[in-house]
Protein backbone atom coordinates (compact mmCIF):
# COMPACT_ATOMS: atom_id res chain seq x y z
CA UNK A 1 -1.13 7.38 0.34
CA UNK A 2 -1.91 10.98 1.25
CA UNK A 3 -2.36 10.02 4.90
CA UNK A 4 1.02 8.27 4.90
CA UNK A 5 2.76 11.35 3.48
CA UNK A 6 1.14 13.69 5.99
CA UNK A 7 1.97 11.28 8.84
CA UNK A 8 5.61 11.12 7.79
CA UNK A 9 5.87 14.89 7.78
CA UNK A 10 3.98 15.38 11.06
CA UNK A 11 5.69 12.49 12.88
CA UNK A 12 9.15 13.91 12.26
CA UNK A 13 8.00 17.33 13.48
CA UNK A 14 10.62 18.95 11.34
CA UNK A 15 10.54 19.99 7.75
CA UNK A 16 11.94 17.50 5.25
CA UNK A 17 12.44 18.45 1.65
CA UNK A 18 9.65 16.97 -0.46
CA UNK A 19 12.46 15.46 -2.57
CA UNK A 20 13.25 13.22 0.43
CA UNK A 21 9.62 12.37 1.15
CA UNK A 22 8.77 11.58 -2.51
CA UNK A 23 11.82 9.61 -3.61
CA UNK A 24 10.37 7.59 -6.49
CA UNK A 25 11.24 9.31 -9.83
CA UNK A 26 8.35 10.25 -12.14
CA UNK A 27 8.38 10.88 -15.91
CA UNK A 28 8.28 14.68 -16.06
CA UNK A 29 9.01 14.80 -19.79
CA UNK A 30 5.64 13.18 -20.57
CA UNK A 31 3.90 16.33 -19.30
CA UNK A 32 5.62 18.60 -21.81
CA UNK A 33 4.05 17.31 -25.04
CA UNK A 34 2.99 19.77 -27.72
CA UNK A 35 -0.52 21.12 -27.28
CA UNK A 36 -0.98 20.06 -23.65
CA UNK A 37 -2.81 22.45 -21.33
CA UNK A 38 -2.88 22.41 -17.54
CA UNK A 39 -4.62 24.42 -14.82
CA UNK A 40 -2.51 25.66 -11.88
CA UNK A 41 -4.96 25.17 -9.03
CA UNK A 42 -2.91 25.37 -5.84
CA UNK A 43 0.57 26.14 -4.62
CA UNK A 44 2.71 27.73 -1.97
CA UNK A 45 3.67 30.66 -4.18
CA UNK A 46 1.03 33.38 -4.11
CA UNK A 47 2.78 36.05 -6.18
CA UNK A 48 3.97 36.18 -9.77
CA UNK A 49 5.12 36.25 -12.45
CA UNK A 50 8.15 34.18 -11.52
CA UNK A 51 10.76 36.70 -12.65
CA UNK A 52 9.29 39.79 -10.94
CA UNK A 53 6.66 38.61 -8.43
CA UNK A 54 4.37 41.51 -7.61
CA UNK A 55 0.81 40.32 -8.31
CA UNK A 56 -1.41 37.77 -6.58
CA UNK A 57 -1.97 35.02 -9.14
CA UNK A 58 -5.33 33.44 -9.95
CA UNK A 59 -6.75 31.09 -12.59
CA UNK A 60 -3.38 29.78 -13.77
CA UNK A 61 -3.10 28.09 -17.15
CA UNK A 62 0.02 26.44 -18.63
CA UNK A 63 0.12 25.77 -22.38
CA UNK A 64 2.91 23.67 -23.93
CA UNK A 65 4.40 24.31 -27.37
CA UNK A 66 7.06 21.89 -28.50
CA UNK A 67 9.06 21.59 -31.70
CA UNK A 68 12.23 19.73 -32.68
CA UNK A 69 14.53 22.20 -30.94
CA UNK A 70 12.69 23.57 -27.89
CA UNK A 71 9.93 23.21 -25.34
CA UNK A 72 8.16 26.48 -24.54
CA UNK A 73 5.43 27.00 -21.98
CA UNK A 74 3.11 29.96 -21.84
CA UNK A 75 1.79 30.72 -18.38
CA UNK A 76 -1.36 32.82 -18.08
CA UNK A 77 -2.65 34.12 -14.80
CA UNK A 78 -5.54 36.36 -13.98
CA UNK A 79 -4.40 39.29 -11.84
CA UNK A 80 -6.25 42.12 -10.14
CA UNK A 81 -4.47 45.39 -10.85
CA UNK A 82 -5.70 48.98 -10.72
CA UNK A 83 -9.22 47.88 -9.88
CA UNK A 84 -9.69 45.50 -12.79
CA UNK A 85 -9.08 41.87 -13.72
CA UNK A 86 -6.65 41.24 -16.56
CA UNK A 87 -4.52 38.40 -17.97
CA UNK A 88 -0.78 38.34 -17.40
CA UNK A 89 1.15 36.18 -19.89
CA UNK A 90 4.74 34.99 -19.63
CA UNK A 91 6.73 32.58 -21.82
CA UNK A 92 9.41 30.22 -20.57
CA UNK A 93 11.85 27.73 -22.08
CA UNK A 94 11.78 24.24 -20.54
CA UNK A 95 14.94 22.14 -20.45
CA UNK A 96 14.63 18.55 -19.22
CA UNK A 97 17.69 17.49 -17.22
CA UNK A 98 18.68 14.52 -15.06
CA UNK A 99 19.68 14.66 -11.40
CA UNK A 100 22.25 11.96 -10.63
CA UNK A 101 22.73 12.78 -6.92
CA UNK A 102 20.08 10.53 -5.39
CA UNK A 103 19.72 6.81 -5.02
CA UNK A 104 17.75 6.77 -8.27
CA UNK A 105 18.30 9.08 -11.23
CA UNK A 106 15.52 11.62 -11.51
CA UNK A 107 14.50 13.97 -14.30
CA UNK A 108 13.59 17.58 -13.61
CA UNK A 109 12.64 20.61 -15.69
CA UNK A 110 14.61 23.86 -15.61
CA UNK A 111 12.26 26.74 -16.40
CA UNK A 112 14.01 29.80 -17.86
CA UNK A 113 12.45 33.15 -18.72
CA UNK A 114 12.42 34.10 -22.39
CA UNK A 115 12.63 37.79 -21.51
CA UNK A 116 15.77 39.81 -20.85
CA UNK A 117 18.62 37.82 -19.32
CA UNK A 118 17.01 34.37 -19.72
CA UNK A 119 16.97 33.86 -15.95
CA UNK A 120 16.35 30.48 -14.33
CA UNK A 121 13.06 30.92 -12.44
CA UNK A 122 12.19 27.35 -11.47
CA UNK A 123 13.61 23.85 -11.18
CA UNK A 124 10.55 21.58 -11.20
CA UNK A 125 10.68 18.03 -9.90
CA UNK A 126 7.57 15.95 -10.56
CA UNK A 127 6.81 14.33 -7.20
CA UNK A 128 3.35 12.89 -7.75
CA UNK A 129 1.44 12.03 -10.90
CA UNK A 130 -2.19 11.00 -10.58
CA UNK A 131 -2.99 9.32 -13.92
CA UNK A 132 -5.16 11.55 -16.13
CA UNK A 133 -5.96 13.83 -13.20
CA UNK A 134 -3.15 15.98 -11.82
CA UNK A 135 0.55 16.53 -11.21
CA UNK A 136 2.35 17.77 -8.09
CA UNK A 137 5.66 19.63 -8.47
CA UNK A 138 8.39 20.81 -6.13
CA UNK A 139 10.41 23.84 -7.22
CA UNK A 140 13.91 23.14 -5.89
CA UNK A 141 14.97 26.66 -6.94
CA UNK A 142 12.52 28.41 -4.58
CA UNK A 143 11.28 25.69 -2.21
CA UNK A 144 7.69 26.11 -3.38
CA UNK A 145 5.15 23.49 -4.48
CA UNK A 146 2.55 23.64 -7.22
CA UNK A 147 -0.38 21.49 -8.39
CA UNK A 148 -1.56 21.25 -12.00
CA UNK A 149 -4.93 19.78 -12.96
CA UNK A 150 -5.21 18.09 -16.36
CA UNK A 151 -8.81 19.13 -16.98
CA UNK A 152 -10.85 22.18 -16.22
CA UNK A 153 -13.17 20.94 -13.51
CA UNK A 154 -16.30 22.51 -12.08
CA UNK A 155 -15.34 25.59 -10.05
CA UNK A 156 -16.03 23.94 -6.66
CA UNK A 157 -13.78 20.98 -7.57
CA UNK A 158 -10.76 23.01 -8.74
CA UNK A 159 -7.94 22.85 -6.22
CA UNK A 160 -9.41 19.91 -4.29
CA UNK A 161 -7.56 16.97 -5.85
CA UNK A 162 -4.86 14.86 -4.22
CA UNK A 163 -2.18 16.97 -5.92
CA UNK A 164 -3.57 20.23 -4.55
CA UNK A 165 -3.66 18.76 -1.05
CA UNK A 166 -0.06 17.57 -1.39
CA UNK A 167 1.16 21.19 -1.61
CA UNK A 168 1.05 21.09 2.20
CA UNK A 169 4.13 18.82 2.02
CA UNK A 170 6.24 21.91 1.33
CA UNK A 171 5.89 23.08 4.92
CA UNK A 172 4.53 26.44 3.76
CA UNK A 173 1.09 27.97 3.54
CA UNK A 174 -0.79 26.65 0.52
CA UNK A 175 -3.00 28.89 -1.62
CA UNK A 176 -5.93 27.93 -3.79
CA UNK A 177 -5.53 29.79 -7.08
CA UNK A 178 -9.15 29.51 -8.25
CA UNK A 179 -11.59 32.24 -7.27
CA UNK A 180 -15.07 33.09 -8.55
CA UNK A 181 -13.58 35.57 -11.07
CA UNK A 182 -12.10 32.58 -12.93
CA UNK A 183 -15.56 31.52 -14.11
CA UNK A 184 -16.13 32.72 -17.65
CA UNK A 185 -12.75 34.44 -17.96
CA UNK A 186 -11.37 31.79 -20.31
């Protein structure tokens, strides 16, 4: 499947939105269940946090908290600032919506900051879901891609799944977000 996707992109020799390449809708809401944790292992966005990107992001973790009225995610990233490694936390509200414009209806997740003006920072479409392994997202708001692993793997395996490789479908440089400093930091 990965070879087919790469061939489609390369054969056309022009950038196609990943939304056109991956047209089959996936169940994004299933990823936002209370207590779920994911590891952001690769993506085309190197800087963060989403609202004011100024730091290179490493060792990303997404934690989901859900109650009857809201879905909240907490994103943690290890950053290197002023000569030391420290955690940067940010909380976001997730709103599941439906896109009716395509051939098939497709759910997506609007990600809004919980700080200040409650700014929309991402519109995530789930493009690929590898059962019990990983998820591949396209951010229609910024044009970036991101891969989440479902389990914390051995350091050398992080960022090497199908989903991490698929970040190349965004037509941008892809970054591996796991470095040696991630070991033992959480």
